[in-house]
Amino acid sequence: MDGKTFARIGAIAFVAVAITAAVIELTRNDAATEIRTVSRPHVGDPGSLRATLRHCRDLGEAASRDAVCLKAWAENRDRFLGATSPEAH
């Protein structure tokens, strides 16, 4: 056999394997994927929280001593992590 024939046989084998894999994948019956939604408790107006966080960002280091910023960061952390705040209990 010369190189061309060997290359053609290899290409045909590769295409046959690819077609077989595609047919197997298309005919496979997977169990229906269950989609769940997670509801988050409403912590407050996200627009006002966003404005407060931007204000705290602009304060710089002084924000670490500001009670409003500390509360806003805690609220944002709870909202992000999906945790309930202690006031809700």
C-alpha atoms as a PDB file:
ATOM      1  CA  MET A   1       0.000   0.000   0.000  1.00  0.00           C
ATOM      2  CA  ASP A   2       1.176   3.442  -0.747  1.00  0.00           C
ATOM      3  CA  GLY A   3       0.739   6.511   1.466  1.00  0.00           C
ATOM      4  CA  LYS A   4      -2.362   7.851  -0.312  1.00  0.00           C
ATOM      5  CA  THR A   5      -4.322   4.654   0.143  1.00  0.00           C
ATOM      6  CA  PHE A   6      -3.346   4.413   3.786  1.00  0.00           C
ATOM      7  CA  ALA A   7      -4.415   8.052   4.358  1.00  0.00           C
ATOM      8  CA  ARG A   8      -7.775   7.429   2.657  1.00  0.00           C
ATOM      9  CA  ILE A   9      -8.445   4.352   4.789  1.00  0.00           C
ATOM     10  CA  GLY A  10      -7.569   6.340   7.910  1.00  0.00           C
ATOM     11  CA  ALA A  11      -9.870   9.202   6.903  1.00  0.00           C
ATOM     12  CA  ILE A  12     -12.746   6.822   6.173  1.00  0.00           C
ATOM     13  CA  ALA A  13     -12.246   5.110   9.546  1.00  0.00           C
ATOM     14  CA  PHE A  14     -12.200   8.467  11.319  1.00  0.00           C
ATOM     15  CA  VAL A  15     -15.422   9.602   9.609  1.00  0.00           C
ATOM     16  CA  ALA A  16     -17.088   6.267  10.403  1.00  0.00           C
ATOM     17  CA  VAL A  17     -16.188   6.582  14.085  1.00  0.00           C
ATOM     18  CA  ALA A  18     -17.404  10.200  14.179  1.00  0.00           C
ATOM     19  CA  ILE A  19     -20.743   9.282  12.564  1.00  0.00           C
ATOM     20  CA  THR A  20     -21.192   6.347  14.943  1.00  0.00           C
ATOM     21  CA  ALA A  21     -20.487   8.539  17.975  1.00  0.00           C
ATOM     22  CA  ALA A  22     -22.929  11.183  16.727  1.00  0.00           C
ATOM     23  CA  VAL A  23     -25.698   8.625  16.162  1.00  0.00           C
ATOM     24  CA  ILE A  24     -25.178   7.125  19.617  1.00  0.00           C
ATOM     25  CA  GLU A  25     -25.274  10.571  21.223  1.00  0.00           C
ATOM     26  CA  LEU A  26     -28.434  11.602  19.365  1.00  0.00           C
ATOM     27  CA  THR A  27     -30.324   8.404  20.202  1.00  0.00           C
ATOM     28  CA  ARG A  28     -29.386   8.404  23.879  1.00  0.00           C
ATOM     29  CA  ASN A  29     -32.338   9.040  26.218  1.00  0.00           C
ATOM     30  CA  ASP A  30     -31.294  11.211  29.122  1.00  0.00           C
ATOM     31  CA  ALA A  31     -33.530  11.723  32.092  1.00  0.00           C
ATOM     32  CA  ALA A  32     -35.223  15.099  31.961  1.00  0.00           C
ATOM     33  CA  THR A  33     -33.128  17.663  33.739  1.00  0.00           C
ATOM     34  CA  GLU A  34     -35.009  19.196  36.622  1.00  0.00           C
ATOM     35  CA  ILE A  35     -34.762  22.959  36.765  1.00  0.00           C
ATOM     36  CA  ARG A  36     -35.191  24.476  40.186  1.00  0.00           C
ATOM     37  CA  THR A  37     -35.541  28.111  40.990  1.00  0.00           C
ATOM     38  CA  VAL A  38     -34.321  29.551  44.239  1.00  0.00           C
ATOM     39  CA  SER A  39     -36.309  32.380  45.701  1.00  0.00           C
ATOM     40  CA  ARG A  40     -34.377  34.974  47.606  1.00  0.00           C
ATOM     41  CA  PRO A  41     -35.928  36.987  50.381  1.00  0.00           C
ATOM     42  CA  HIS A  42     -36.430  40.618  49.495  1.00  0.00           C
ATOM     43  CA  VAL A  43     -33.890  42.491  51.601  1.00  0.00           C
ATOM     44  CA  GLY A  44     -34.640  45.989  50.428  1.00  0.00           C
ATOM     45  CA  ASP A  45     -34.684  48.188  47.396  1.00  0.00           C
ATOM     46  CA  PRO A  46     -31.703  47.114  45.277  1.00  0.00           C
ATOM     47  CA  GLY A  47     -31.514  50.576  43.714  1.00  0.00           C
ATOM     48  CA  SER A  48     -30.999  52.320  47.037  1.00  0.00           C
ATOM     49  CA  LEU A  49     -28.559  49.628  48.155  1.00  0.00           C
ATOM     50  CA  ARG A  50     -26.589  50.106  44.952  1.00  0.00           C
ATOM     51  CA  ALA A  51     -26.467  53.865  45.504  1.00  0.00           C
ATOM     52  CA  THR A  52     -25.323  53.367  49.096  1.00  0.00           C
ATOM     53  CA  LEU A  53     -22.594  50.946  48.029  1.00  0.00           C
ATOM     54  CA  ARG A  54     -21.351  53.395  45.413  1.00  0.00           C
ATOM     55  CA  HIS A  55     -21.285  56.163  48.024  1.00  0.00           C
ATOM     56  CA  CYS A  56     -19.294  53.914  50.370  1.00  0.00           C
ATOM     57  CA  ARG A  57     -16.906  53.053  47.564  1.00  0.00           C
ATOM     58  CA  ASP A  58     -16.279  56.749  46.999  1.00  0.00           C
ATOM     59  CA  LEU A  59     -15.609  57.325  50.709  1.00  0.00           C
ATOM     60  CA  GLY A  60     -12.567  55.083  50.563  1.00  0.00           C
ATOM     61  CA  GLU A  61     -11.007  54.074  53.864  1.00  0.00           C
ATOM     62  CA  ALA A  62     -13.412  56.218  55.886  1.00  0.00           C
ATOM     63  CA  ALA A  63     -16.221  53.858  54.835  1.00  0.00           C
ATOM     64  CA  SER A  64     -14.813  51.147  57.116  1.00  0.00           C
ATOM     65  CA  ARG A  65     -15.792  53.306  60.103  1.00  0.00           C
ATOM     66  CA  ASP A  66     -19.188  54.407  58.749  1.00  0.00           C
ATOM     67  CA  ALA A  67     -22.185  52.562  60.269  1.00  0.00           C
ATOM     68  CA  VAL A  68     -24.313  53.058  57.135  1.00  0.00           C
ATOM     69  CA  CYS A  69     -21.625  51.482  54.959  1.00  0.00           C
ATOM     70  CA  LEU A  70     -21.140  48.566  57.342  1.00  0.00           C
ATOM     71  CA  LYS A  71     -24.883  47.879  57.286  1.00  0.00           C
ATOM     72  CA  ALA A  72     -25.008  48.170  53.478  1.00  0.00           C
ATOM     73  CA  TRP A  73     -22.096  45.761  53.088  1.00  0.00           C
ATOM     74  CA  ALA A  74     -23.763  43.253  55.430  1.00  0.00           C
ATOM     75  CA  GLU A  75     -27.036  43.535  53.512  1.00  0.00           C
ATOM     76  CA  ASN A  76     -25.253  43.090  50.176  1.00  0.00           C
ATOM     77  CA  ARG A  77     -23.300  40.089  51.490  1.00  0.00           C
ATOM     78  CA  ASP A  78     -26.521  38.454  52.747  1.00  0.00           C
ATOM     79  CA  ARG A  79     -28.256  39.150  49.440  1.00  0.00           C
ATOM     80  CA  PHE A  80     -25.329  37.716  47.479  1.00  0.00           C
ATOM     81  CA  LEU A  81     -24.951  34.598  49.608  1.00  0.00           C
ATOM     82  CA  GLY A  82     -28.692  34.054  49.918  1.00  0.00           C
ATOM     83  CA  ALA A  83     -28.495  34.116  53.698  1.00  0.00           C
ATOM     84  CA  THR A  84     -31.278  35.469  55.824  1.00  0.00           C
ATOM     85  CA  SER A  85     -30.452  38.369  58.065  1.00  0.00           C
ATOM     86  CA  PRO A  86     -30.784  37.996  61.865  1.00  0.00           C
ATOM     87  CA  GLU A  87     -33.550  40.643  61.868  1.00  0.00           C
ATOM     88  CA  ALA A  88     -35.739  38.337  59.756  1.00  0.00           C
ATOM     89  CA  HIS A  89     -35.817  35.636  62.468  1.00  0.00           C
END
